[in-house]
Amino acid sequence: MYLYAAFLGGPVAAGRMGEDHEVVFVVASTPEEAKGLAKAKWSGAGRGHVDAVQRVDIVDGHQVSLRPTHEVSGDRTDLLSYN
């Protein structure tokens, strides 16, 4: 199993041009599996799609590793807003 970051896109609110975007993380065995799992996490309006997916192994010289938790499944990622 690997950690993947996925860049999702989808419709913006009515009357606006362009796309809404968000980044989600998933744990999957393959990029194809990661795309399906990521798409299911789209929280924007309308039907989202996957613009890109990338396996995350090393970040800034630090190896990324995964271990199972006995906590409730789901995500726990703090959002630090710049607003």
N, C-alpha and C. Protein backbone atom coordinates (compact mmCIF):
# COMPACT_ATOMS: atom_id res chain seq x y z
N MET A 1 0.83 -1.18 0.00
CA MET A 1 0.00 0.00 0.00
C MET A 1 0.88 1.25 0.00
N TYR A 2 0.43 2.25 -0.71
CA TYR A 2 1.19 3.49 -0.85
C TYR A 2 0.28 4.69 -0.56
N LEU A 3 0.91 5.79 -0.21
CA LEU A 3 0.20 7.05 -0.04
C LEU A 3 0.20 7.78 -1.39
N TYR A 4 -0.97 8.24 -1.80
CA TYR A 4 -1.10 9.02 -3.03
C TYR A 4 -1.73 10.37 -2.72
N ALA A 5 -1.25 11.39 -3.39
CA ALA A 5 -1.89 12.70 -3.37
C ALA A 5 -2.63 12.84 -4.69
N ALA A 6 -3.86 13.30 -4.64
CA ALA A 6 -4.65 13.46 -5.86
C ALA A 6 -5.17 14.89 -5.95
N PHE A 7 -5.09 15.45 -7.15
CA PHE A 7 -5.57 16.79 -7.44
C PHE A 7 -6.90 16.62 -8.17
N LEU A 8 -7.97 17.04 -7.52
CA LEU A 8 -9.31 16.87 -8.07
C LEU A 8 -9.84 18.18 -8.63
N GLY A 9 -10.65 18.10 -9.65
CA GLY A 9 -11.28 19.27 -10.23
C GLY A 9 -12.75 19.01 -10.46
N GLY A 10 -13.51 20.11 -10.53
CA GLY A 10 -14.94 19.98 -10.77
C GLY A 10 -15.57 21.34 -10.97
N PRO A 11 -16.88 21.35 -11.19
CA PRO A 11 -17.58 22.59 -11.48
C PRO A 11 -17.52 23.58 -10.33
N VAL A 12 -17.52 24.86 -10.68
CA VAL A 12 -17.62 25.92 -9.66
C VAL A 12 -19.08 26.34 -9.55
N ALA A 13 -19.36 27.23 -8.63
CA ALA A 13 -20.72 27.71 -8.43
C ALA A 13 -21.27 28.33 -9.72
N ALA A 14 -22.58 28.31 -9.86
CA ALA A 14 -23.24 28.85 -11.04
C ALA A 14 -22.81 30.29 -11.31
N GLY A 15 -22.64 30.62 -12.57
CA GLY A 15 -22.29 31.97 -12.95
C GLY A 15 -20.80 32.27 -12.94
N ARG A 16 -20.01 31.29 -12.61
CA ARG A 16 -18.55 31.48 -12.59
C ARG A 16 -17.92 30.62 -13.66
N MET A 17 -16.76 31.04 -14.16
CA MET A 17 -16.06 30.28 -15.19
C MET A 17 -14.83 29.62 -14.58
N GLY A 18 -14.51 28.43 -15.02
CA GLY A 18 -13.33 27.74 -14.54
C GLY A 18 -13.68 26.47 -13.81
N GLU A 19 -12.80 26.07 -12.92
CA GLU A 19 -12.98 24.84 -12.14
C GLU A 19 -12.66 25.11 -10.69
N ASP A 20 -13.28 24.33 -9.83
CA ASP A 20 -12.92 24.30 -8.42
C ASP A 20 -11.92 23.16 -8.27
N HIS A 21 -10.99 23.26 -7.32
CA HIS A 21 -9.97 22.22 -7.13
C HIS A 21 -9.77 21.92 -5.65
N GLU A 22 -9.33 20.72 -5.38
CA GLU A 22 -8.93 20.33 -4.04
C GLU A 22 -7.92 19.19 -4.13
N VAL A 23 -7.12 19.04 -3.08
CA VAL A 23 -6.15 17.96 -2.98
C VAL A 23 -6.62 17.02 -1.88
N VAL A 24 -6.61 15.72 -2.18
CA VAL A 24 -6.97 14.71 -1.19
C VAL A 24 -5.86 13.66 -1.15
N PHE A 25 -5.81 12.92 -0.06
CA PHE A 25 -4.84 11.84 0.10
C PHE A 25 -5.59 10.52 0.22
N VAL A 26 -5.03 9.48 -0.39
CA VAL A 26 -5.61 8.14 -0.31
C VAL A 26 -4.50 7.11 -0.15
N VAL A 27 -4.85 5.97 0.37
CA VAL A 27 -3.93 4.84 0.48
C VAL A 27 -4.43 3.76 -0.48
N ALA A 28 -3.57 3.34 -1.40
CA ALA A 28 -3.97 2.38 -2.42
C ALA A 28 -2.76 1.58 -2.88
N SER A 29 -3.04 0.50 -3.62
CA SER A 29 -1.97 -0.36 -4.15
C SER A 29 -1.45 0.11 -5.49
N THR A 30 -2.32 0.75 -6.29
CA THR A 30 -1.94 1.17 -7.64
C THR A 30 -2.47 2.58 -7.90
N PRO A 31 -1.90 3.26 -8.90
CA PRO A 31 -2.43 4.58 -9.26
C PRO A 31 -3.90 4.51 -9.71
N GLU A 32 -4.26 3.45 -10.40
CA GLU A 32 -5.65 3.31 -10.87
C GLU A 32 -6.61 3.20 -9.69
N GLU A 33 -6.23 2.41 -8.69
CA GLU A 33 -7.06 2.29 -7.48
C GLU A 33 -7.11 3.63 -6.76
N ALA A 34 -6.00 4.33 -6.71
CA ALA A 34 -5.94 5.63 -6.04
C ALA A 34 -6.88 6.63 -6.71
N LYS A 35 -6.95 6.61 -8.04
CA LYS A 35 -7.84 7.52 -8.76
C LYS A 35 -9.29 7.30 -8.35
N GLY A 36 -9.71 6.05 -8.27
CA GLY A 36 -11.09 5.74 -7.89
C GLY A 36 -11.40 6.18 -6.47
N LEU A 37 -10.48 5.90 -5.55
CA LEU A 37 -10.68 6.29 -4.16
C LEU A 37 -10.69 7.80 -4.00
N ALA A 38 -9.82 8.47 -4.74
CA ALA A 38 -9.74 9.93 -4.65
C ALA A 38 -11.01 10.58 -5.18
N LYS A 39 -11.49 10.10 -6.29
CA LYS A 39 -12.70 10.67 -6.90
C LYS A 39 -13.88 10.60 -5.94
N ALA A 40 -13.93 9.54 -5.15
CA ALA A 40 -15.01 9.38 -4.18
C ALA A 40 -14.93 10.41 -3.05
N LYS A 41 -13.78 11.06 -2.90
CA LYS A 41 -13.61 12.06 -1.84
C LYS A 41 -13.92 13.48 -2.30
N TRP A 42 -14.31 13.66 -3.56
CA TRP A 42 -14.64 14.98 -4.07
C TRP A 42 -15.75 15.59 -3.20
N SER A 43 -15.51 16.79 -2.68
CA SER A 43 -16.50 17.43 -1.81
C SER A 43 -17.07 18.70 -2.42
N GLY A 44 -16.70 18.99 -3.66
CA GLY A 44 -17.21 20.18 -4.32
C GLY A 44 -18.58 19.94 -4.94
N ALA A 45 -19.04 20.94 -5.65
CA ALA A 45 -20.33 20.85 -6.32
C ALA A 45 -20.22 19.96 -7.55
N GLY A 46 -21.33 19.38 -7.93
CA GLY A 46 -21.37 18.60 -9.16
C GLY A 46 -20.48 17.37 -9.11
N ARG A 47 -20.15 16.91 -10.30
CA ARG A 47 -19.35 15.68 -10.45
C ARG A 47 -17.87 16.04 -10.61
N GLY A 48 -17.06 15.56 -9.70
CA GLY A 48 -15.62 15.84 -9.76
C GLY A 48 -14.88 14.85 -10.63
N HIS A 49 -13.64 15.19 -10.94
CA HIS A 49 -12.78 14.30 -11.72
C HIS A 49 -11.35 14.42 -11.18
N VAL A 50 -10.52 13.47 -11.54
CA VAL A 50 -9.12 13.46 -11.10
C VAL A 50 -8.26 14.11 -12.18
N ASP A 51 -7.61 15.21 -11.84
CA ASP A 51 -6.69 15.86 -12.77
C ASP A 51 -5.31 15.21 -12.72
N ALA A 52 -4.88 14.78 -11.53
CA ALA A 52 -3.56 14.17 -11.39
C ALA A 52 -3.51 13.34 -10.12
N VAL A 53 -2.67 12.32 -10.13
CA VAL A 53 -2.43 11.51 -8.94
C VAL A 53 -0.94 11.21 -8.87
N GLN A 54 -0.37 11.32 -7.67
CA GLN A 54 1.07 11.10 -7.51
C GLN A 54 1.34 10.28 -6.25
N ARG A 55 2.15 9.24 -6.41
CA ARG A 55 2.57 8.45 -5.25
C ARG A 55 3.56 9.26 -4.44
N VAL A 56 3.40 9.24 -3.12
CA VAL A 56 4.27 10.02 -2.23
C VAL A 56 5.14 9.05 -1.44
N ASP A 57 6.43 9.01 -1.78
CA ASP A 57 7.37 8.11 -1.11
C ASP A 57 8.39 8.87 -0.25
N ILE A 58 8.89 9.98 -0.80
CA ILE A 58 9.91 10.78 -0.10
C ILE A 58 9.53 12.25 -0.25
N VAL A 59 9.56 12.98 0.87
CA VAL A 59 9.27 14.42 0.86
C VAL A 59 10.38 15.13 1.61
N ASP A 60 11.06 16.05 0.92
CA ASP A 60 12.13 16.84 1.53
C ASP A 60 13.15 15.97 2.27
N GLY A 61 13.52 14.85 1.65
CA GLY A 61 14.53 13.97 2.23
C GLY A 61 14.02 13.07 3.35
N HIS A 62 12.70 13.01 3.55
CA HIS A 62 12.11 12.15 4.58
C HIS A 62 11.26 11.08 3.91
N GLN A 63 11.51 9.83 4.26
CA GLN A 63 10.74 8.72 3.72
C GLN A 63 9.37 8.68 4.37
N VAL A 64 8.35 8.49 3.55
CA VAL A 64 6.98 8.38 4.03
C VAL A 64 6.65 6.91 4.21
N SER A 65 6.13 6.56 5.38
CA SER A 65 5.72 5.18 5.61
C SER A 65 4.31 5.16 6.19
N LEU A 66 3.64 4.04 6.01
CA LEU A 66 2.26 3.88 6.47
C LEU A 66 2.19 2.77 7.50
N ARG A 67 1.32 2.95 8.46
CA ARG A 67 1.04 1.87 9.40
C ARG A 67 -0.43 1.93 9.75
N PRO A 68 -1.07 0.77 9.90
CA PRO A 68 -2.50 0.75 10.21
C PRO A 68 -2.78 1.33 11.59
N THR A 69 -3.95 1.88 11.74
CA THR A 69 -4.38 2.39 13.03
C THR A 69 -5.63 1.64 13.46
N HIS A 70 -5.86 1.60 14.74
CA HIS A 70 -7.05 0.92 15.26
C HIS A 70 -8.18 1.91 15.50
N GLU A 71 -7.96 3.15 15.08
CA GLU A 71 -8.99 4.17 15.22
C GLU A 71 -10.04 4.00 14.14
N VAL A 72 -11.10 4.76 14.25
CA VAL A 72 -12.16 4.73 13.25
C VAL A 72 -11.58 5.11 11.90
N SER A 73 -12.01 4.42 10.86
CA SER A 73 -11.49 4.72 9.53
C SER A 73 -11.92 6.12 9.09
N GLY A 74 -11.21 6.66 8.14
CA GLY A 74 -11.49 8.00 7.65
C GLY A 74 -10.24 8.84 7.72
N ASP A 75 -10.41 10.11 7.42
CA ASP A 75 -9.27 11.02 7.37
C ASP A 75 -9.20 11.88 8.62
N ARG A 76 -8.00 12.19 9.01
CA ARG A 76 -7.77 13.18 10.06
C ARG A 76 -6.60 14.03 9.59
N THR A 77 -6.93 15.08 8.86
CA THR A 77 -5.93 15.98 8.31
C THR A 77 -6.30 17.40 8.71
N ASP A 78 -5.47 18.04 9.49
CA ASP A 78 -5.74 19.41 9.92
C ASP A 78 -5.61 20.35 8.74
N LEU A 79 -6.57 21.26 8.62
CA LEU A 79 -6.54 22.26 7.56
C LEU A 79 -6.10 23.58 8.17
N LEU A 80 -4.98 24.07 7.71
CA LEU A 80 -4.47 25.35 8.17
C LEU A 80 -4.77 26.36 7.07
N SER A 81 -5.68 27.27 7.35
CA SER A 81 -6.13 28.23 6.36
C SER A 81 -5.28 29.48 6.40
N TYR A 82 -5.10 30.09 5.26
CA TYR A 82 -4.36 31.34 5.18
C TYR A 82 -5.29 32.54 5.30
N ASN A 83 -6.58 32.32 5.42
CA ASN A 83 -7.55 33.43 5.55
C ASN A 83 -7.68 33.86 7.00
